[in-house]
Amino acid sequence: MVSKAPSTPVPPSPAPTPGLTKRVKKSKQPLQVTKDLGRWKPADDLLLINAVLQTNDLTSVHLGVKFSCRFTLREVQERWYALLYDPV
């Protein structure tokens, strides 16, 4: 005969307290720049540079220039600042 041992209930694992959870640092700028780098073609960069030199207004460049794909105003601004300040 097989005898069954009385099963003892297993207590549930305690929920982690909010203050003790591990937090992973996210790098904000480098990942975003490398992600957008693949979408921006050299022709788009040239269009952006020439349009900004003519208008001095990123909003009008965003609305008026036909790039190779649709970019948001924020993407146009980020790319412009990347071209100005980030060494390649």
C-alpha atoms as a PDB file:
ATOM      1  CA  MET A   1       0.000   0.000   0.000  1.00  0.00           C
ATOM      2  CA  VAL A   2       1.089   3.503  -0.738  1.00  0.00           C
ATOM      3  CA  SER A   3       0.651   5.838   2.122  1.00  0.00           C
ATOM      4  CA  LYS A   4       0.158   9.493   1.424  1.00  0.00           C
ATOM      5  CA  ALA A   5       1.908  11.945   3.642  1.00  0.00           C
ATOM      6  CA  PRO A   6      -0.314  14.779   4.719  1.00  0.00           C
ATOM      7  CA  SER A   7       0.368  17.664   2.370  1.00  0.00           C
ATOM      8  CA  THR A   8       1.300  20.896   3.993  1.00  0.00           C
ATOM      9  CA  PRO A   9       0.192  24.028   2.195  1.00  0.00           C
ATOM     10  CA  VAL A  10       3.020  26.052   0.701  1.00  0.00           C
ATOM     11  CA  PRO A  11       2.858  29.667   1.786  1.00  0.00           C
ATOM     12  CA  PRO A  12       2.622  32.076  -1.143  1.00  0.00           C
ATOM     13  CA  SER A  13       5.779  33.922  -1.979  1.00  0.00           C
ATOM     14  CA  PRO A  14       5.734  37.419  -0.571  1.00  0.00           C
ATOM     15  CA  ALA A  15       5.162  40.182  -3.083  1.00  0.00           C
ATOM     16  CA  PRO A  16       8.222  42.348  -3.624  1.00  0.00           C
ATOM     17  CA  THR A  17       8.060  45.645  -1.885  1.00  0.00           C
ATOM     18  CA  PRO A  18       8.129  48.619  -4.252  1.00  0.00           C
ATOM     19  CA  GLY A  19      11.281  50.104  -2.752  1.00  0.00           C
ATOM     20  CA  LEU A  20      13.372  46.969  -3.074  1.00  0.00           C
ATOM     21  CA  THR A  21      12.797  46.054  -6.713  1.00  0.00           C
ATOM     22  CA  LYS A  22      15.732  46.212  -9.074  1.00  0.00           C
ATOM     23  CA  ARG A  23      15.632  49.071 -11.517  1.00  0.00           C
ATOM     24  CA  VAL A  24      17.398  48.965 -14.812  1.00  0.00           C
ATOM     25  CA  LYS A  25      18.871  52.212 -16.006  1.00  0.00           C
ATOM     26  CA  LYS A  26      17.699  53.100 -19.460  1.00  0.00           C
ATOM     27  CA  SER A  27      19.960  55.040 -21.730  1.00  0.00           C
ATOM     28  CA  LYS A  28      17.794  57.712 -23.279  1.00  0.00           C
ATOM     29  CA  GLN A  29      19.669  59.449 -26.067  1.00  0.00           C
ATOM     30  CA  PRO A  30      22.097  56.910 -27.629  1.00  0.00           C
ATOM     31  CA  LEU A  31      19.460  54.237 -28.286  1.00  0.00           C
ATOM     32  CA  GLN A  32      17.063  56.752 -29.812  1.00  0.00           C
ATOM     33  CA  VAL A  33      19.733  58.229 -32.057  1.00  0.00           C
ATOM     34  CA  THR A  34      20.861  54.835 -33.325  1.00  0.00           C
ATOM     35  CA  LYS A  35      17.267  53.761 -33.917  1.00  0.00           C
ATOM     36  CA  ASP A  36      16.518  56.848 -35.998  1.00  0.00           C
ATOM     37  CA  LEU A  37      19.845  56.703 -37.776  1.00  0.00           C
ATOM     38  CA  GLY A  38      18.625  53.874 -40.011  1.00  0.00           C
ATOM     39  CA  ARG A  39      15.592  55.811 -41.221  1.00  0.00           C
ATOM     40  CA  TRP A  40      17.449  58.973 -42.161  1.00  0.00           C
ATOM     41  CA  LYS A  41      19.019  58.694 -45.595  1.00  0.00           C
ATOM     42  CA  PRO A  42      21.837  60.974 -46.723  1.00  0.00           C
ATOM     43  CA  ALA A  43      19.417  62.644 -49.153  1.00  0.00           C
ATOM     44  CA  ASP A  44      17.103  63.399 -46.205  1.00  0.00           C
ATOM     45  CA  ASP A  45      19.985  64.995 -44.330  1.00  0.00           C
ATOM     46  CA  LEU A  46      20.801  67.169 -47.328  1.00  0.00           C
ATOM     47  CA  LEU A  47      17.155  68.191 -47.731  1.00  0.00           C
ATOM     48  CA  LEU A  48      16.978  69.031 -44.032  1.00  0.00           C
ATOM     49  CA  ILE A  49      20.164  71.099 -44.076  1.00  0.00           C
ATOM     50  CA  ASN A  50      19.211  73.064 -47.197  1.00  0.00           C
ATOM     51  CA  ALA A  51      15.647  73.681 -46.021  1.00  0.00           C
ATOM     52  CA  VAL A  52      16.736  74.914 -42.592  1.00  0.00           C
ATOM     53  CA  LEU A  53      19.339  77.189 -44.171  1.00  0.00           C
ATOM     54  CA  GLN A  54      16.618  78.725 -46.345  1.00  0.00           C
ATOM     55  CA  THR A  55      13.798  78.999 -43.802  1.00  0.00           C
ATOM     56  CA  ASN A  56      15.432  78.970 -40.349  1.00  0.00           C
ATOM     57  CA  ASP A  57      12.268  77.239 -39.115  1.00  0.00           C
ATOM     58  CA  LEU A  58      12.059  73.528 -38.324  1.00  0.00           C
ATOM     59  CA  THR A  59       8.258  73.568 -38.203  1.00  0.00           C
ATOM     60  CA  SER A  60       7.971  74.837 -41.769  1.00  0.00           C
ATOM     61  CA  VAL A  61      10.632  72.344 -42.858  1.00  0.00           C
ATOM     62  CA  HIS A  62       8.613  69.533 -41.280  1.00  0.00           C
ATOM     63  CA  LEU A  63       5.437  70.673 -43.030  1.00  0.00           C
ATOM     64  CA  GLY A  64       6.938  71.588 -46.393  1.00  0.00           C
ATOM     65  CA  VAL A  65       9.730  69.148 -47.200  1.00  0.00           C
ATOM     66  CA  LYS A  66       8.981  65.722 -48.643  1.00  0.00           C
ATOM     67  CA  PHE A  67      11.477  63.343 -47.046  1.00  0.00           C
ATOM     68  CA  SER A  68      11.939  59.686 -48.021  1.00  0.00           C
ATOM     69  CA  CYS A  69       9.562  58.686 -45.203  1.00  0.00           C
ATOM     70  CA  ARG A  70       7.324  60.481 -42.723  1.00  0.00           C
ATOM     71  CA  PHE A  71       9.086  61.980 -39.749  1.00  0.00           C
ATOM     72  CA  THR A  72       7.449  63.642 -36.787  1.00  0.00           C
ATOM     73  CA  LEU A  73       8.375  67.202 -35.903  1.00  0.00           C
ATOM     74  CA  ARG A  74      10.272  65.867 -32.914  1.00  0.00           C
ATOM     75  CA  GLU A  75      12.268  63.482 -35.125  1.00  0.00           C
ATOM     76  CA  VAL A  76      13.145  66.352 -37.460  1.00  0.00           C
ATOM     77  CA  GLN A  77      14.249  68.461 -34.491  1.00  0.00           C
ATOM     78  CA  GLU A  78      16.303  65.616 -33.003  1.00  0.00           C
ATOM     79  CA  ARG A  79      17.974  64.927 -36.333  1.00  0.00           C
ATOM     80  CA  TRP A  80      18.791  68.605 -36.839  1.00  0.00           C
ATOM     81  CA  TYR A  81      20.387  68.842 -33.394  1.00  0.00           C
ATOM     82  CA  ALA A  82      22.224  65.565 -34.002  1.00  0.00           C
ATOM     83  CA  LEU A  83      23.669  66.943 -37.227  1.00  0.00           C
ATOM     84  CA  LEU A  84      24.704  70.143 -35.469  1.00  0.00           C
ATOM     85  CA  TYR A  85      26.130  68.832 -32.222  1.00  0.00           C
ATOM     86  CA  ASP A  86      26.751  65.067 -32.295  1.00  0.00           C
ATOM     87  CA  PRO A  87      30.045  63.988 -33.836  1.00  0.00           C
ATOM     88  CA  VAL A  88      29.661  61.093 -36.243  1.00  0.00           C
END
